[in-house]
């Protein structure tokens, strides 16, 4: 008999993940006689599940039903935020609310999101209350043993995570290990629990040795010889053919024509939110297209500060935004302009702050944002096309909310200050958490005096990489999910099956 037989598994079937990964996992779990329920996000995804016949769900719930009309869903049920905070085991709901990109930012007003609030506080509070009611309803009606979700990125994920802790429900999501091409499984929103972390703790005791120890040593040597950029960013550097560029130029017009001719395109419209990344009428799609071209041209012509003129500098890489790494794991540092100003103000002695734009955000941030960064005291905005390896090798240290660059810095023995709570990077031997900006200067001075070129440091870095090889999986997760790329889906199922069997 299958270990999953009769086990109740709730799957967050949301957006493209549902179509490319979630439905595949549901089919596999159904074959193992698991009892399934789905929580959908995006009306078109919900509509697809209702119409499909291959997978039997005991229950199908919709986040959009709640998000589109929270007061209607509450239907007279009332909770106070105090009651919800108590039930979730948090002091405040508002840090988690910062993950609500469609509520706290306005897509209809500006590309790529305006930082102005899209809906009133009252609407946000109503949504929080309705979402809590939905989570409690799922627990009472379906009683899941395990919840499978793509990642921990939005308020439904975060609230369900806190609720699950209180009620003994196990959560399973995928995260990036920061080792090239290797994904790991995590169990909570801070991404600091799972078999990767357990294995790393074992290796760091020195009592066990990984079978991948030599492979890890080789990986570190290769990284230092030739920089390994994250797999999920490879597509940003891909050169497109002239035909692909023509298709890209014409795509917003083709999209607009299909939108006007096909009423189903309007299914994802939520009147209380207006235009969103999930619902872009033709005028928004065309606005986005030309705004991106305009912003990209500005970046290509901007006069950046020459890196070669700098001697002593600390590196502060800008993060993509809205995005889980900063909005979920570092919400108190989500205003990156202000964070850069505070870090620059805290740099000791002759150090200056070097800032570089995230490659994924080229063409997404408006010129005014870039100019504010560039005209901040003790900040030098350098060309985004300069290789990260070159910037890291010249840096004395790195400061960031919670980002891949902190992990990359580990391979060059560079100390890193992490402002946020991302669990994976905090396991690295070069990374130190610090959130009190009033005493950042002495903390940086302390880290600059550290000697990281030690045998203990190398062993801990080696253990980190080995643990990723031991407990992670090699699969193009984000490429399959976000760009419909191809990979062996059976490999993915084998990884999920192994993890899920440990949870049942």
Protein backbone atom coordinates (compact mmCIF):
# COMPACT_ATOMS: atom_id res chain seq x y z
CA UNK A 1 0.00 0.00 0.00
CA UNK A 2 1.22 3.49 -0.83
CA UNK A 3 2.38 5.65 2.08
CA UNK A 4 0.11 8.37 0.71
CA UNK A 5 -3.04 6.25 0.73
CA UNK A 6 -5.78 8.16 2.52
CA UNK A 7 -3.49 11.08 3.38
CA UNK A 8 -5.12 14.45 2.87
CA UNK A 9 -2.99 16.81 0.79
CA UNK A 10 -3.92 20.39 -0.06
CA UNK A 11 -2.19 21.87 -3.12
CA UNK A 12 -1.92 25.59 -3.79
CA UNK A 13 -2.83 25.50 -7.50
CA UNK A 14 -1.87 28.99 -8.56
CA UNK A 15 -1.17 30.71 -11.86
CA UNK A 16 1.38 29.11 -14.19
CA UNK A 17 2.71 26.79 -11.48
CA UNK A 18 -0.62 25.01 -11.43
CA UNK A 19 -0.54 24.38 -15.15
CA UNK A 20 3.12 23.34 -15.43
CA UNK A 21 3.88 21.65 -12.10
CA UNK A 22 0.90 21.53 -9.74
CA UNK A 23 -1.37 19.45 -11.94
CA UNK A 24 1.44 16.99 -12.60
CA UNK A 25 2.00 16.54 -8.86
CA UNK A 26 -1.74 16.17 -8.24
CA UNK A 27 -1.96 13.42 -10.85
CA UNK A 28 0.97 11.57 -9.26
CA UNK A 29 -0.52 11.89 -5.78
CA UNK A 30 -3.89 10.69 -7.04
CA UNK A 31 -2.16 7.61 -8.46
CA UNK A 32 -0.80 7.02 -4.95
CA UNK A 33 -4.39 7.17 -3.56
CA UNK A 34 -3.94 10.44 -1.73
CA UNK A 35 -7.05 12.51 -0.97
CA UNK A 36 -6.68 15.88 -2.65
CA UNK A 37 -7.99 19.41 -2.27
CA UNK A 38 -6.92 22.53 -4.14
CA UNK A 39 -6.65 26.19 -3.21
CA UNK A 40 -6.53 28.19 -6.42
CA UNK A 41 -5.14 31.63 -7.14
CA UNK A 42 -6.13 33.30 -10.40
CA UNK A 43 -9.64 32.76 -11.70
CA UNK A 44 -8.51 31.14 -14.93
CA UNK A 45 -6.60 28.53 -12.89
CA UNK A 46 -9.71 27.91 -10.79
CA UNK A 47 -11.89 27.61 -13.91
CA UNK A 48 -9.47 25.07 -15.38
CA UNK A 49 -9.64 22.85 -12.29
CA UNK A 50 -13.43 22.93 -12.25
CA UNK A 51 -13.61 21.83 -15.89
CA UNK A 52 -10.87 19.19 -15.97
CA UNK A 53 -11.86 15.56 -15.39
CA UNK A 54 -8.51 13.82 -14.86
CA UNK A 55 -7.97 14.68 -11.20
CA UNK A 56 -10.57 14.29 -8.49
CA UNK A 57 -10.45 16.95 -5.80
CA UNK A 58 -12.52 16.49 -2.68
CA UNK A 59 -12.63 20.27 -2.31
CA UNK A 60 -11.63 23.19 -4.54
CA UNK A 61 -11.31 26.57 -2.83
CA UNK A 62 -10.64 29.94 -4.45
CA UNK A 63 -8.45 32.73 -3.09
CA UNK A 64 -9.88 35.07 -5.73
CA UNK A 65 -13.39 34.55 -4.38
CA UNK A 66 -12.06 36.01 -1.13
CA UNK A 67 -9.75 38.60 -2.64
CA UNK A 68 -12.35 39.96 -5.05
CA UNK A 69 -15.06 40.47 -2.40
CA UNK A 70 -13.71 39.97 1.12
CA UNK A 71 -16.71 41.52 2.87
CA UNK A 72 -19.09 39.32 0.89
CA UNK A 73 -17.08 36.25 1.84
CA UNK A 74 -17.11 37.23 5.51
CA UNK A 75 -20.91 37.50 5.30
CA UNK A 76 -21.26 38.92 8.77
CA UNK A 77 -18.51 36.80 10.37
CA UNK A 78 -16.27 39.07 12.38
CA UNK A 79 -12.75 38.72 13.72
CA UNK A 80 -10.48 41.30 15.27
CA UNK A 81 -6.87 41.56 14.14
CA UNK A 82 -5.94 40.80 17.73
CA UNK A 83 -7.78 37.48 17.50
CA UNK A 84 -6.10 36.66 14.18
CA UNK A 85 -2.63 37.57 15.48
CA UNK A 86 -3.23 35.34 18.51
CA UNK A 87 -4.40 32.47 16.30
CA UNK A 88 -1.36 32.81 14.02
CA UNK A 89 1.15 33.37 16.80
CA UNK A 90 2.36 36.75 15.55
CA UNK A 91 2.54 40.18 17.17
CA UNK A 92 1.44 42.05 14.05
CA UNK A 93 -0.17 41.10 10.76
CA UNK A 94 1.26 44.10 8.89
CA UNK A 95 4.74 42.74 8.03
CA UNK A 96 3.00 39.87 6.21
CA UNK A 97 0.58 42.31 4.56
CA UNK A 98 3.59 43.88 2.84
CA UNK A 99 3.63 40.83 0.54
CA UNK A 100 0.28 41.92 -0.99
CA UNK A 101 1.63 43.52 -4.14
CA UNK A 102 -1.83 44.16 -5.63
CA UNK A 103 -3.05 45.88 -2.48
CA UNK A 104 -0.11 47.89 -1.18
CA UNK A 105 1.10 48.91 -4.66
CA UNK A 106 -0.81 50.10 -7.70
CA UNK A 107 -0.22 48.41 -11.05
CA UNK A 108 -2.85 50.37 -12.93
CA UNK A 109 -1.18 53.68 -12.16
CA UNK A 110 2.37 52.95 -13.24
CA UNK A 111 4.67 50.35 -14.77
CA UNK A 112 6.22 48.35 -13.04
CA UNK A 113 3.98 49.05 -10.00
CA UNK A 114 3.50 52.39 -8.30
CA UNK A 115 4.55 52.49 -4.65
CA UNK A 116 1.26 54.18 -3.83
CA UNK A 117 -1.28 52.06 -2.00
CA UNK A 118 -3.91 50.58 -4.29
CA UNK A 119 -6.76 50.00 -1.83
CA UNK A 120 -7.73 51.39 1.57
CA UNK A 121 -6.56 49.99 4.88
CA UNK A 122 -10.16 48.95 5.49
CA UNK A 123 -10.13 46.83 2.31
CA UNK A 124 -6.81 45.24 3.32
CA UNK A 125 -8.09 44.44 6.81
CA UNK A 126 -11.27 42.94 5.36
CA UNK A 127 -9.13 40.72 3.10
CA UNK A 128 -6.97 39.59 6.03
CA UNK A 129 -10.09 38.65 7.99
CA UNK A 130 -11.68 36.87 5.03
CA UNK A 131 -8.46 35.02 4.29
CA UNK A 132 -8.28 33.85 7.89
CA UNK A 133 -11.86 32.61 7.63
CA UNK A 134 -10.97 30.72 4.43
CA UNK A 135 -7.95 29.06 6.06
CA UNK A 136 -10.00 28.05 9.11
CA UNK A 137 -12.74 26.73 6.81
CA UNK A 138 -10.25 24.59 4.88
CA UNK A 139 -8.89 23.23 8.14
CA UNK A 140 -12.34 22.43 9.50
CA UNK A 141 -13.75 20.96 6.28
CA UNK A 142 -10.79 19.18 4.70
CA UNK A 143 -8.30 18.83 7.59
CA UNK A 144 -5.13 18.56 5.47
CA UNK A 145 -2.19 16.52 6.70
CA UNK A 146 0.19 18.27 4.30
CA UNK A 147 0.05 21.49 2.28
CA UNK A 148 2.08 21.64 -0.96
CA UNK A 149 2.77 25.10 -2.35
CA UNK A 150 5.12 26.56 -4.98
CA UNK A 151 6.93 28.84 -2.53
CA UNK A 152 6.28 31.20 0.37
CA UNK A 153 5.63 34.47 -1.43
CA UNK A 154 2.17 35.94 -0.73
CA UNK A 155 -0.16 36.54 2.21
CA UNK A 156 -2.18 33.30 1.75
CA UNK A 157 1.06 31.30 1.95
CA UNK A 158 2.32 33.23 4.96
CA UNK A 159 -0.91 33.09 6.95
CA UNK A 160 -1.40 29.40 6.18
CA UNK A 161 2.19 28.77 7.31
CA UNK A 162 1.58 30.40 10.70
CA UNK A 163 -1.79 28.62 11.05
CA UNK A 164 -0.14 25.30 10.18
CA UNK A 165 2.41 25.68 12.98
CA UNK A 166 -0.42 26.09 15.49
CA UNK A 167 -2.36 23.07 14.19
CA UNK A 168 0.39 20.58 13.36
CA UNK A 169 -0.07 20.78 9.58
CA UNK A 170 3.09 20.14 7.55
CA UNK A 171 4.06 22.55 4.75
CA UNK A 172 6.26 21.76 1.74
CA UNK A 173 7.67 24.24 -0.77
CA UNK A 174 10.73 24.57 -2.99
CA UNK A 175 13.53 27.08 -2.56
CA UNK A 176 16.86 27.85 -4.18
CA UNK A 177 19.83 26.35 -2.33
CA UNK A 178 22.20 28.99 -3.79
CA UNK A 179 24.21 26.09 -5.21
CA UNK A 180 23.99 26.24 -9.00
CA UNK A 181 21.01 24.30 -10.33
CA UNK A 182 20.09 22.67 -7.01
CA UNK A 183 16.66 23.15 -5.43
CA UNK A 184 15.83 22.27 -1.84
CA UNK A 185 12.61 21.72 0.10
CA UNK A 186 11.63 24.02 2.95
CA UNK A 187 8.81 23.96 5.48
CA UNK A 188 8.21 27.56 6.52
CA UNK A 189 8.21 31.14 5.26
CA UNK A 190 11.66 32.01 6.63
CA UNK A 191 13.02 29.00 4.73
CA UNK A 192 15.12 27.78 7.64
CA UNK A 193 13.73 24.27 8.23
CA UNK A 194 13.98 21.11 6.15
CA UNK A 195 16.27 18.18 5.46
CA UNK A 196 18.95 20.44 3.95
CA UNK A 197 19.30 22.29 7.26
CA UNK A 198 19.28 19.05 9.25
CA UNK A 199 22.00 17.58 7.03
CA UNK A 200 24.11 20.73 7.25
CA UNK A 201 23.87 20.68 11.05
CA UNK A 202 25.07 17.06 11.01
CA UNK A 203 28.02 17.85 8.78
CA UNK A 204 29.01 20.86 10.88
CA UNK A 205 29.35 18.66 13.97
CA UNK A 206 32.28 16.98 12.26
CA UNK A 207 31.00 13.52 13.24
CA UNK A 208 29.75 12.61 9.76
CA UNK A 209 31.16 13.10 6.27
CA UNK A 210 29.11 13.52 3.11
CA UNK A 211 29.57 11.25 0.13
CA UNK A 212 29.50 14.52 -1.85
CA UNK A 213 32.40 16.12 0.06
CA UNK A 214 34.81 15.85 -2.85
CA UNK A 215 32.15 17.04 -5.28
CA UNK A 216 31.60 20.06 -3.03
CA UNK A 217 35.33 20.85 -2.98
CA UNK A 218 35.39 20.65 -6.75
CA UNK A 219 32.33 22.92 -7.01
CA UNK A 220 33.97 25.58 -4.82
CA UNK A 221 37.17 25.43 -6.87
CA UNK A 222 35.20 25.74 -10.11
CA UNK A 223 33.20 28.70 -8.75
CA UNK A 224 36.38 30.54 -7.84
CA UNK A 225 37.83 29.76 -11.23
CA UNK A 226 34.72 30.75 -13.17
CA UNK A 227 31.75 32.55 -11.63
CA UNK A 228 28.49 30.56 -11.62
CA UNK A 229 25.48 32.82 -12.02
CA UNK A 230 22.08 31.53 -10.84
CA UNK A 231 20.31 29.16 -13.23
CA UNK A 232 17.10 31.20 -13.03
CA UNK A 233 18.91 34.25 -14.43
CA UNK A 234 20.44 32.52 -17.47
CA UNK A 235 17.56 33.60 -19.72
CA UNK A 236 18.35 37.26 -18.99
CA UNK A 237 21.67 36.93 -20.79
CA UNK A 238 20.38 34.91 -23.73
CA UNK A 239 20.83 36.60 -27.10
CA UNK A 240 17.66 36.61 -29.17
CA UNK A 241 17.47 36.22 -32.93
CA UNK A 242 16.10 39.01 -35.08
CA UNK A 243 12.93 36.95 -35.56
CA UNK A 244 12.47 36.60 -31.78
CA UNK A 245 12.96 40.35 -31.36
CA UNK A 246 10.31 41.07 -34.01
CA UNK A 247 7.89 38.71 -32.27
CA UNK A 248 8.60 40.44 -28.98
CA UNK A 249 7.88 43.82 -30.53
CA UNK A 250 4.59 42.64 -32.01
CA UNK A 251 3.46 40.56 -29.02
CA UNK A 252 1.57 43.36 -27.17
CA UNK A 253 -0.50 44.06 -30.29
CA UNK A 254 -1.27 40.36 -30.76
CA UNK A 255 -2.15 40.10 -27.07
CA UNK A 256 -4.43 43.14 -27.35
CA UNK A 257 -6.25 41.73 -30.37
CA UNK A 258 -6.84 38.40 -28.63
CA UNK A 259 -7.97 40.21 -25.49
CA UNK A 260 -10.58 42.17 -27.45
CA UNK A 261 -11.86 39.12 -29.34
CA UNK A 262 -11.87 36.60 -26.48
CA UNK A 263 -14.17 37.36 -23.50
CA UNK A 264 -12.35 34.71 -21.42
CA UNK A 265 -9.38 37.05 -21.22
CA UNK A 266 -11.36 39.17 -18.79
CA UNK A 267 -11.93 36.31 -16.32
CA UNK A 268 -9.10 37.46 -14.04
CA UNK A 269 -10.50 40.95 -13.50
CA UNK A 270 -11.21 41.87 -9.87
CA UNK A 271 -13.08 45.21 -9.73
CA UNK A 272 -11.81 46.12 -6.27
CA UNK A 273 -8.17 45.82 -7.44
CA UNK A 274 -8.34 47.08 -11.02
CA UNK A 275 -5.50 46.27 -13.44
CA UNK A 276 -2.94 43.81 -12.06
CA UNK A 277 -0.16 41.66 -13.45
CA UNK A 278 -2.86 38.98 -13.90
CA UNK A 279 -5.30 41.32 -15.64
CA UNK A 280 -3.84 43.72 -18.17
CA UNK A 281 -6.27 45.19 -20.71
CA UNK A 282 -4.75 46.36 -24.01
CA UNK A 283 -4.05 49.92 -22.89
CA UNK A 284 -2.10 48.63 -19.86
CA UNK A 285 -0.26 46.04 -21.95
CA UNK A 286 0.80 48.68 -24.48
CA UNK A 287 1.70 51.12 -21.70
CA UNK A 288 3.95 48.45 -20.17
CA UNK A 289 5.58 47.70 -23.50
CA UNK A 290 6.56 51.28 -24.25
CA UNK A 291 7.43 52.14 -20.65
CA UNK A 292 9.86 49.23 -20.61
CA UNK A 293 11.46 50.37 -23.85
CA UNK A 294 11.78 53.89 -22.45
CA UNK A 295 13.23 52.75 -19.12
CA UNK A 296 15.67 50.40 -20.86
CA UNK A 297 16.90 53.17 -23.15
CA UNK A 298 17.45 55.39 -20.13
CA UNK A 299 19.55 52.70 -18.44
CA UNK A 300 21.66 52.11 -21.53
CA UNK A 301 22.46 55.82 -21.81
CA UNK A 302 22.85 56.62 -18.12
CA UNK A 303 26.29 57.81 -17.00
CA UNK A 304 27.27 55.39 -14.23
CA UNK A 305 30.12 55.92 -11.80
CA UNK A 306 33.32 54.15 -12.98
CA UNK A 307 34.07 51.19 -10.73
CA UNK A 308 37.80 51.49 -11.41
CA UNK A 309 37.87 54.86 -9.63
CA UNK A 310 36.88 53.24 -6.35
CA UNK A 311 39.32 51.86 -3.82
CA UNK A 312 37.49 50.87 -0.63
CA UNK A 313 33.84 49.96 -1.10
CA UNK A 314 30.98 47.90 0.33
CA UNK A 315 28.64 46.31 -2.20
CA UNK A 316 24.85 46.73 -1.98
CA UNK A 317 23.06 44.86 -4.81
CA UNK A 318 19.54 46.07 -5.56
CA UNK A 319 16.83 43.40 -5.38
CA UNK A 320 14.04 42.74 -7.85
CA UNK A 321 10.78 44.10 -6.52
CA UNK A 322 8.01 43.22 -5.79
CA UNK A 323 9.61 39.91 -4.88
CA UNK A 324 9.58 37.36 -2.11
CA UNK A 325 13.21 37.74 -1.03
CA UNK A 326 12.73 41.31 0.10
CA UNK A 327 8.96 41.73 0.61
CA UNK A 328 8.56 38.54 2.67
CA UNK A 329 11.96 37.90 4.24
CA UNK A 330 12.97 41.55 4.73
CA UNK A 331 9.82 43.72 4.79
CA UNK A 332 11.39 46.36 7.05
CA UNK A 333 14.04 46.99 4.37
CA UNK A 334 11.73 46.95 1.33
CA UNK A 335 12.36 50.66 0.64
CA UNK A 336 15.69 50.03 -1.03
CA UNK A 337 16.45 53.70 -1.66
CA UNK A 338 16.14 54.44 2.06
CA UNK A 339 18.02 51.27 3.01
CA UNK A 340 20.90 52.22 0.71
CA UNK A 341 20.97 55.69 2.26
CA UNK A 342 21.10 54.25 5.78
CA UNK A 343 23.84 51.77 4.87
CA UNK A 344 25.88 54.48 3.10
CA UNK A 345 25.49 56.71 6.15
CA UNK A 346 26.83 53.90 8.34
CA UNK A 347 29.97 53.03 6.39
CA UNK A 348 33.15 53.42 8.42
CA UNK A 349 36.36 55.25 7.55
CA UNK A 350 37.03 55.70 3.81
CA UNK A 351 34.43 53.26 2.54
CA UNK A 352 31.74 54.13 0.02
CA UNK A 353 28.66 52.16 -0.99
CA UNK A 354 28.56 50.62 -4.47
CA UNK A 355 25.06 49.91 -5.78
CA UNK A 356 24.25 47.89 -8.90
CA UNK A 357 20.84 47.28 -10.48
CA UNK A 358 19.41 43.77 -10.58
CA UNK A 359 19.54 42.46 -14.18
CA UNK A 360 15.90 41.33 -14.07
CA UNK A 361 14.79 44.88 -13.20
CA UNK A 362 16.34 46.54 -16.26
CA UNK A 363 13.46 48.30 -17.98
CA UNK A 364 11.20 47.99 -14.93
CA UNK A 365 12.32 50.78 -12.62
CA UNK A 366 11.59 54.35 -13.75
CA UNK A 367 14.39 56.88 -14.32
CA UNK A 368 13.40 58.81 -11.18
CA UNK A 369 14.17 55.75 -9.03
CA UNK A 370 17.61 55.31 -10.58
CA UNK A 371 18.43 59.01 -10.23
CA UNK A 372 17.48 59.02 -6.54
CA UNK A 373 19.89 56.15 -5.90
CA UNK A 374 22.66 57.81 -7.89
CA UNK A 375 22.25 61.13 -6.06
CA UNK A 376 22.39 59.72 -2.54
CA UNK A 377 25.41 60.75 -0.41
CA UNK A 378 28.27 58.24 -0.27
CA UNK A 379 26.55 56.04 -2.87
CA UNK A 380 28.07 55.19 -6.25
CA UNK A 381 25.72 53.62 -8.79
CA UNK A 382 27.77 51.46 -11.15
CA UNK A 383 26.90 49.99 -14.54
CA UNK A 384 24.57 47.01 -14.27
CA UNK A 385 26.50 45.29 -17.08
CA UNK A 386 29.66 44.95 -14.98
CA UNK A 387 30.01 41.25 -14.08
CA UNK A 388 29.09 40.42 -10.50
CA UNK A 389 32.34 38.51 -10.12
CA UNK A 390 34.37 41.67 -10.75
CA UNK A 391 32.33 43.71 -8.27
CA UNK A 392 32.53 41.02 -5.59
CA UNK A 393 36.26 40.45 -5.93
CA UNK A 394 36.90 44.15 -5.37
CA UNK A 395 34.44 44.59 -2.50
CA UNK A 396 35.50 44.58 1.14
CA UNK A 397 32.06 43.28 2.19
CA UNK A 398 28.45 42.92 1.03
CA UNK A 399 25.28 44.26 2.65
CA UNK A 400 21.84 43.14 1.50
CA UNK A 401 18.33 42.26 2.65
CA UNK A 402 18.39 38.53 1.79
CA UNK A 403 19.87 37.81 -1.59
CA UNK A 404 21.86 35.42 -3.75
CA UNK A 405 24.81 37.83 -3.80
CA UNK A 406 25.46 37.06 -0.12
CA UNK A 407 26.01 33.42 -1.09
CA UNK A 408 28.17 34.34 -4.07
CA UNK A 409 30.33 36.46 -1.77
CA UNK A 410 31.01 33.38 0.38
CA UNK A 411 33.12 31.82 -2.36
CA UNK A 412 35.43 34.86 -2.35
CA UNK A 413 35.78 35.02 1.47
CA UNK A 414 33.82 38.28 1.63
CA UNK A 415 31.90 39.01 4.86
CA UNK A 416 28.22 39.73 4.34
CA UNK A 417 25.65 41.56 6.44
CA UNK A 418 22.15 40.14 5.99
CA UNK A 419 19.38 42.53 7.01
CA UNK A 420 16.52 40.07 6.48
CA UNK A 421 15.54 36.59 7.63
CA UNK A 422 16.21 34.20 4.72
CA UNK A 423 17.30 30.96 6.37
CA UNK A 424 19.49 29.48 3.62
CA UNK A 425 21.97 32.35 3.36
CA UNK A 426 22.21 32.61 7.17
CA UNK A 427 23.74 29.11 7.10
CA UNK A 428 26.74 30.37 5.13
CA UNK A 429 29.99 30.97 7.04
CA UNK A 430 30.42 34.51 5.70
CA UNK A 431 26.91 35.78 6.52
CA UNK A 432 25.93 37.63 9.69
CA UNK A 433 22.47 38.88 10.49
CA UNK A 434 22.10 42.51 11.58
CA UNK A 435 18.98 44.67 11.56
CA UNK A 436 19.75 47.63 13.86
CA UNK A 437 20.85 50.37 11.47
CA UNK A 438 21.88 52.67 14.34
CA UNK A 439 24.84 50.43 15.15
CA UNK A 440 25.64 49.14 11.67
CA UNK A 441 28.95 51.06 11.43
CA UNK A 442 30.70 49.28 14.33
CA UNK A 443 29.29 45.96 13.12
CA UNK A 444 30.78 46.46 9.66
CA UNK A 445 34.14 47.46 11.20
CA UNK A 446 34.06 44.28 13.26
CA UNK A 447 33.38 42.12 10.20
CA UNK A 448 36.09 43.83 8.16
CA UNK A 449 38.63 42.70 10.77
CA UNK A 450 37.62 39.04 10.43
CA UNK A 451 39.94 36.53 8.82
CA UNK A 452 37.74 34.30 6.68
CA UNK A 453 40.59 32.48 4.99
CA UNK A 454 40.73 29.73 7.57
CA UNK A 455 40.37 25.95 7.52
CA UNK A 456 37.19 26.16 9.62
CA UNK A 457 35.63 28.59 7.12
CA UNK A 458 36.48 26.34 4.17
CA UNK A 459 35.05 23.32 5.96
CA UNK A 460 31.75 25.07 6.73
CA UNK A 461 31.45 26.32 3.14
CA UNK A 462 32.23 22.84 1.86
CA UNK A 463 29.61 21.37 4.21
CA UNK A 464 27.01 23.84 2.94
CA UNK A 465 27.56 22.82 -0.68
CA UNK A 466 27.72 19.11 0.22
CA UNK A 467 24.43 19.35 2.15
CA UNK A 468 22.78 20.89 -0.92
CA UNK A 469 24.03 18.00 -3.06
CA UNK A 470 22.95 15.47 -0.40
CA UNK A 471 19.42 16.75 0.13
CA UNK A 472 18.66 18.89 -2.92
CA UNK A 473 17.54 18.00 -6.40
CA UNK A 474 18.78 18.93 -9.86
CA UNK A 475 15.78 20.15 -11.84
CA UNK A 476 15.03 23.31 -13.82
CA UNK A 477 12.23 24.27 -11.42
CA UNK A 478 11.94 27.98 -12.21
CA UNK A 479 12.47 27.51 -15.93
CA UNK A 480 9.65 24.97 -16.14
CA UNK A 481 7.41 27.05 -13.90
CA UNK A 482 7.95 30.56 -15.23
CA UNK A 483 9.02 30.04 -18.85
CA UNK A 484 7.52 26.67 -19.86
CA UNK A 485 10.98 25.19 -20.39
CA UNK A 486 11.41 21.43 -20.54
CA UNK A 487 12.94 19.00 -18.07
CA UNK A 488 12.36 15.42 -16.92
CA UNK A 489 9.22 15.70 -14.77
CA UNK A 490 9.82 12.24 -13.32
CA UNK A 491 12.95 13.62 -11.65
CA UNK A 492 10.81 16.26 -9.99
CA UNK A 493 8.28 13.70 -8.80
CA UNK A 494 11.05 11.51 -7.36
CA UNK A 495 12.27 14.50 -5.33
CA UNK A 496 8.77 15.37 -4.10
CA UNK A 497 7.93 11.74 -3.37
CA UNK A 498 11.03 11.36 -1.19
CA UNK A 499 10.21 14.48 0.80
CA UNK A 500 6.50 13.77 1.14
CA UNK A 501 7.17 10.24 2.39
CA UNK A 502 9.18 11.78 5.23
CA UNK A 503 6.21 13.95 6.20
CA UNK A 504 3.39 11.38 6.17
